[in-house]
């Protein structure tokens, strides 16, 4: 990740800053990713010349909306809203196969410490697409563009839930399909995970203002929509 990159700021008002995080950028320093030396927290701090606090997390491989605040008291209030599912999140994903029109996934997930947590994800299918590309025993390859709303905030929840119902997200490692990921790397020169946090809706804890933000898709996601013959526009 280029340290000279300027983050795209989607919202900056009343001590809340929301950026459009690129794929591959860590939110903050982590022991499990010691290869990285560029982080969203430091980049945003240097860009606006203010100390910032991340309100929530996005996977390194996931792009899209990431919220920060410059106010430590506001951090507590916003974190509480996230914990109580008062902040509505929507993601876009491209997955293997034809998904149903909509589906509620209720499947508990286990933490690295072995704790079992309830997890709920709802998605709706925006479009199906089929391309002339041999996949396993099939002469063509089928994909779905979905809008996903996680009702709980477990680690890698969307990724694990989509893999659980055999519609893994394209480019997901390790939860996705290795064969599909290899096809996309070799045929499309693509190794991005196609999961993007594109909408946030919530009420400002202090001003009580309704805030609704949308993050534009990055060029690689848009390229894959075109390559796979999706016609949905954003």
Protein backbone atom coordinates (compact mmCIF):
# COMPACT_ATOMS: atom_id res chain seq x y z
CA UNK A 1 0.00 0.00 0.00
CA UNK A 2 1.37 3.40 -1.05
CA UNK A 3 2.04 5.61 1.98
CA UNK A 4 1.50 8.69 -0.22
CA UNK A 5 -2.05 7.61 -1.06
CA UNK A 6 -4.74 10.10 -0.10
CA UNK A 7 -7.72 8.46 1.54
CA UNK A 8 -11.13 9.25 0.07
CA UNK A 9 -13.14 11.01 2.77
CA UNK A 10 -16.87 10.41 2.30
CA UNK A 11 -18.12 12.29 5.37
CA UNK A 12 -16.45 14.79 7.70
CA UNK A 13 -18.77 16.58 10.11
CA UNK A 14 -19.57 16.83 13.83
CA UNK A 15 -16.44 14.90 14.88
CA UNK A 16 -17.27 11.94 12.63
CA UNK A 17 -15.08 11.07 9.67
CA UNK A 18 -15.93 8.24 7.28
CA UNK A 19 -13.50 7.08 4.61
CA UNK A 20 -13.69 4.71 1.66
CA UNK A 21 -10.98 2.22 2.68
CA UNK A 22 -9.10 0.57 -0.20
CA UNK A 23 -8.72 -3.19 -0.41
CA UNK A 24 -5.52 -4.34 1.31
CA UNK A 25 -5.27 -1.53 3.85
CA UNK A 26 -5.18 -2.47 7.54
CA UNK A 27 -7.20 -0.35 9.96
CA UNK A 28 -4.36 -0.34 12.49
CA UNK A 29 -1.18 -2.22 13.36
CA UNK A 30 -1.72 -5.92 14.01
CA UNK A 31 0.51 -8.79 15.12
CA UNK A 32 -1.16 -11.07 12.58
CA UNK A 33 -0.11 -8.82 9.67
CA UNK A 34 3.46 -7.80 10.45
CA UNK A 35 4.21 -7.35 6.72
CA UNK A 36 2.29 -4.05 6.66
CA UNK A 37 3.74 -0.66 7.47
CA UNK A 38 0.84 1.55 6.33
CA UNK A 39 -2.40 1.80 8.32
CA UNK A 40 -5.68 3.68 7.92
CA UNK A 41 -5.50 5.26 11.39
CA UNK A 42 -2.09 6.83 10.78
CA UNK A 43 -2.88 7.78 7.19
CA UNK A 44 -6.06 9.62 8.15
CA UNK A 45 -4.37 11.28 11.14
CA UNK A 46 -1.60 12.61 8.92
CA UNK A 47 -4.04 13.63 6.18
CA UNK A 48 -6.28 15.78 8.41
CA UNK A 49 -3.64 16.57 11.05
CA UNK A 50 -5.86 15.33 13.90
CA UNK A 51 -5.86 12.32 16.18
CA UNK A 52 -8.58 9.86 15.15
CA UNK A 53 -10.15 6.80 16.74
CA UNK A 54 -11.57 3.92 14.66
CA UNK A 55 -15.17 3.22 15.65
CA UNK A 56 -15.32 -0.25 14.10
CA UNK A 57 -13.22 -2.59 11.96
CA UNK A 58 -13.06 -3.78 8.37
CA UNK A 59 -11.06 -6.79 7.26
CA UNK A 60 -7.84 -5.92 5.48
CA UNK A 61 -9.20 -7.54 2.31
CA UNK A 62 -12.56 -5.73 2.50
CA UNK A 63 -12.94 -2.29 0.95
CA UNK A 64 -15.47 0.39 1.76
CA UNK A 65 -16.87 2.54 4.53
CA UNK A 66 -14.81 2.87 7.70
CA UNK A 67 -15.83 5.26 10.48
CA UNK A 68 -13.57 7.31 12.75
CA UNK A 69 -14.16 9.98 15.35
CA UNK A 70 -11.97 12.71 16.81
CA UNK A 71 -13.93 12.70 20.08
CA UNK A 72 -13.26 10.02 22.70
CA UNK A 73 -16.74 10.42 24.28
CA UNK A 74 -18.37 10.09 20.88
CA UNK A 75 -16.30 6.96 20.30
CA UNK A 76 -18.02 5.29 23.25
CA UNK A 77 -21.50 6.27 22.05
CA UNK A 78 -20.89 5.16 18.46
CA UNK A 79 -19.29 1.89 19.58
CA UNK A 80 -22.41 1.23 21.65
CA UNK A 81 -24.59 1.84 18.59
CA UNK A 82 -22.54 -0.67 16.60
CA UNK A 83 -22.76 -3.22 19.41
CA UNK A 84 -26.54 -2.80 19.59
CA UNK A 85 -26.97 -3.01 15.80
CA UNK A 86 -28.30 0.55 15.61
CA UNK A 87 -25.91 1.34 12.76
CA UNK A 88 -27.16 -0.33 9.60
CA UNK A 89 -24.48 -1.68 7.26
CA UNK A 90 -24.79 -2.93 3.70
CA UNK A 91 -22.12 -4.68 1.68
CA UNK A 92 -21.82 -5.63 -1.97
CA UNK A 93 -20.27 -8.97 -2.90
CA UNK A 94 -19.73 -11.11 -5.96
CA UNK A 95 -20.09 -14.79 -5.13
CA UNK A 96 -19.87 -18.15 -6.88
CA UNK A 97 -23.06 -19.64 -8.31
CA UNK A 98 -26.66 -18.48 -8.49
CA UNK A 99 -27.89 -17.37 -5.08
CA UNK A 100 -31.59 -17.39 -4.07
CA UNK A 101 -33.58 -14.16 -4.34
CA UNK A 102 -33.00 -13.55 -0.64
CA UNK A 103 -31.87 -15.55 2.36
CA UNK A 104 -31.47 -15.26 6.11
CA UNK A 105 -28.40 -17.11 7.39
CA UNK A 106 -28.46 -18.05 11.06
CA UNK A 107 -25.30 -19.99 11.72
CA UNK A 108 -23.19 -19.73 14.89
CA UNK A 109 -19.50 -18.96 14.47
CA UNK A 110 -16.62 -20.00 16.68
CA UNK A 111 -13.94 -17.54 17.75
CA UNK A 112 -10.21 -18.31 17.75
CA UNK A 113 -10.58 -18.88 21.50
CA UNK A 114 -13.24 -21.53 20.90
CA UNK A 115 -16.23 -19.43 21.99
CA UNK A 116 -19.43 -20.04 20.03
CA UNK A 117 -21.29 -16.86 19.02
CA UNK A 118 -24.67 -16.45 17.40
CA UNK A 119 -24.39 -14.86 13.95
CA UNK A 120 -27.06 -13.63 11.57
CA UNK A 121 -26.68 -12.39 8.00
CA UNK A 122 -29.35 -11.41 5.48
CA UNK A 123 -28.76 -10.94 1.77
CA UNK A 124 -30.73 -10.14 -1.35
CA UNK A 125 -29.65 -11.01 -4.87
CA UNK A 126 -29.28 -8.03 -7.18
CA UNK A 127 -28.35 -9.93 -10.34
CA UNK A 128 -27.16 -13.24 -11.75
CA UNK A 129 -24.55 -13.49 -14.50
CA UNK A 130 -23.11 -16.28 -16.63
CA UNK A 131 -19.93 -16.18 -18.70
CA UNK A 132 -18.35 -18.53 -21.23
CA UNK A 133 -15.62 -19.82 -18.97
CA UNK A 134 -15.15 -23.50 -18.20
CA UNK A 135 -15.44 -24.24 -14.49
CA UNK A 136 -14.82 -27.80 -13.24
CA UNK A 137 -17.31 -29.99 -15.12
CA UNK A 138 -19.39 -27.06 -16.36
CA UNK A 139 -18.93 -25.32 -19.74
CA UNK A 140 -19.84 -21.94 -18.25
CA UNK A 141 -19.36 -20.11 -14.94
CA UNK A 142 -22.19 -18.56 -12.94
CA UNK A 143 -21.98 -15.73 -10.43
CA UNK A 144 -24.24 -13.56 -8.31
CA UNK A 145 -24.07 -9.93 -7.22
CA UNK A 146 -25.60 -9.62 -3.77
CA UNK A 147 -26.41 -6.95 -1.20
CA UNK A 148 -25.56 -8.20 2.30
CA UNK A 149 -26.72 -6.93 5.70
CA UNK A 150 -24.97 -8.46 8.71
CA UNK A 151 -27.21 -8.35 11.78
CA UNK A 152 -24.32 -9.24 14.07
CA UNK A 153 -20.67 -8.24 13.88
CA UNK A 154 -18.61 -11.40 14.14
CA UNK A 155 -15.12 -11.67 12.71
CA UNK A 156 -15.24 -12.59 8.99
CA UNK A 157 -18.97 -13.17 9.41
CA UNK A 158 -20.09 -12.47 5.84
CA UNK A 159 -17.18 -14.42 4.41
CA UNK A 160 -17.82 -17.45 6.61
CA UNK A 161 -21.58 -17.39 6.11
CA UNK A 162 -21.35 -17.23 2.31
CA UNK A 163 -18.86 -20.10 2.32
CA UNK A 164 -21.20 -22.04 4.63
CA UNK A 165 -24.02 -21.93 2.06
CA UNK A 166 -21.60 -22.84 -0.78
CA UNK A 167 -21.63 -19.39 -2.39
CA UNK A 168 -18.16 -18.17 -1.38
CA UNK A 169 -17.02 -14.63 -2.12
CA UNK A 170 -14.71 -14.42 -5.11
CA UNK A 171 -11.14 -13.68 -4.06
CA UNK A 172 -11.67 -14.72 -0.46
CA UNK A 173 -8.78 -16.53 1.15
CA UNK A 174 -8.97 -18.73 3.19
CA UNK A 175 -12.77 -19.03 3.32
CA UNK A 176 -13.41 -18.95 -0.43
CA UNK A 177 -13.01 -21.37 -3.31
CA UNK A 178 -9.39 -22.00 -4.29
CA UNK A 179 -10.36 -23.12 -7.80
CA UNK A 180 -12.35 -19.95 -8.45
CA UNK A 181 -9.65 -17.74 -6.96
CA UNK A 182 -7.08 -19.40 -9.24
CA UNK A 183 -9.33 -18.87 -12.29
CA UNK A 184 -9.73 -15.19 -11.48
CA UNK A 185 -6.01 -14.72 -10.97
CA UNK A 186 -5.02 -16.52 -14.17
CA UNK A 187 -7.86 -15.45 -16.47
CA UNK A 188 -8.59 -11.93 -15.19
CA UNK A 189 -5.33 -11.08 -13.37
CA UNK A 190 -7.49 -10.39 -10.33
CA UNK A 191 -6.61 -11.19 -6.71
CA UNK A 192 -8.85 -8.72 -4.89
CA UNK A 193 -11.62 -9.96 -2.62
CA UNK A 194 -14.90 -8.77 -4.08
CA UNK A 195 -16.52 -7.56 -0.86
CA UNK A 196 -17.24 -3.85 -0.40
CA UNK A 197 -18.90 -2.05 2.53
CA UNK A 198 -21.00 0.42 0.58
CA UNK A 199 -23.68 1.87 2.88
CA UNK A 200 -23.91 3.11 6.48
CA UNK A 201 -27.05 4.57 8.06
CA UNK A 202 -27.23 5.83 11.63
CA UNK A 203 -28.25 8.65 13.97
CA UNK A 204 -25.57 10.97 15.34
CA UNK A 205 -25.53 10.38 19.12
CA UNK A 206 -25.27 14.11 19.97
CA UNK A 207 -26.99 16.08 17.20
CA UNK A 208 -29.55 13.31 16.47
CA UNK A 209 -29.00 13.98 12.77
CA UNK A 210 -29.73 11.11 10.41
CA UNK A 211 -26.56 10.22 8.49
CA UNK A 212 -26.61 8.06 5.35
CA UNK A 213 -23.41 7.53 3.39
CA UNK A 214 -22.47 5.48 0.34
CA UNK A 215 -18.97 4.50 -0.78
CA UNK A 216 -18.24 4.34 -4.52
CA UNK A 217 -16.85 1.07 -5.81
CA UNK A 218 -13.14 0.91 -6.53
CA UNK A 219 -11.95 0.37 -10.14
CA UNK A 220 -11.14 -3.33 -9.68
CA UNK A 221 -14.64 -4.17 -8.44
CA UNK A 222 -16.14 -2.19 -11.33
CA UNK A 223 -13.86 -4.01 -13.78
CA UNK A 224 -15.05 -7.37 -12.52
CA UNK A 225 -18.69 -6.34 -12.80
CA UNK A 226 -17.98 -5.62 -16.46
CA UNK A 227 -15.92 -8.78 -17.06
CA UNK A 228 -18.68 -10.96 -15.60
CA UNK A 229 -21.39 -9.21 -17.65
CA UNK A 230 -23.29 -7.72 -14.72
CA UNK A 231 -25.46 -4.79 -15.82
CA UNK A 232 -26.40 -3.40 -12.39
CA UNK A 233 -25.27 0.20 -11.97
CA UNK A 234 -24.37 2.12 -8.82
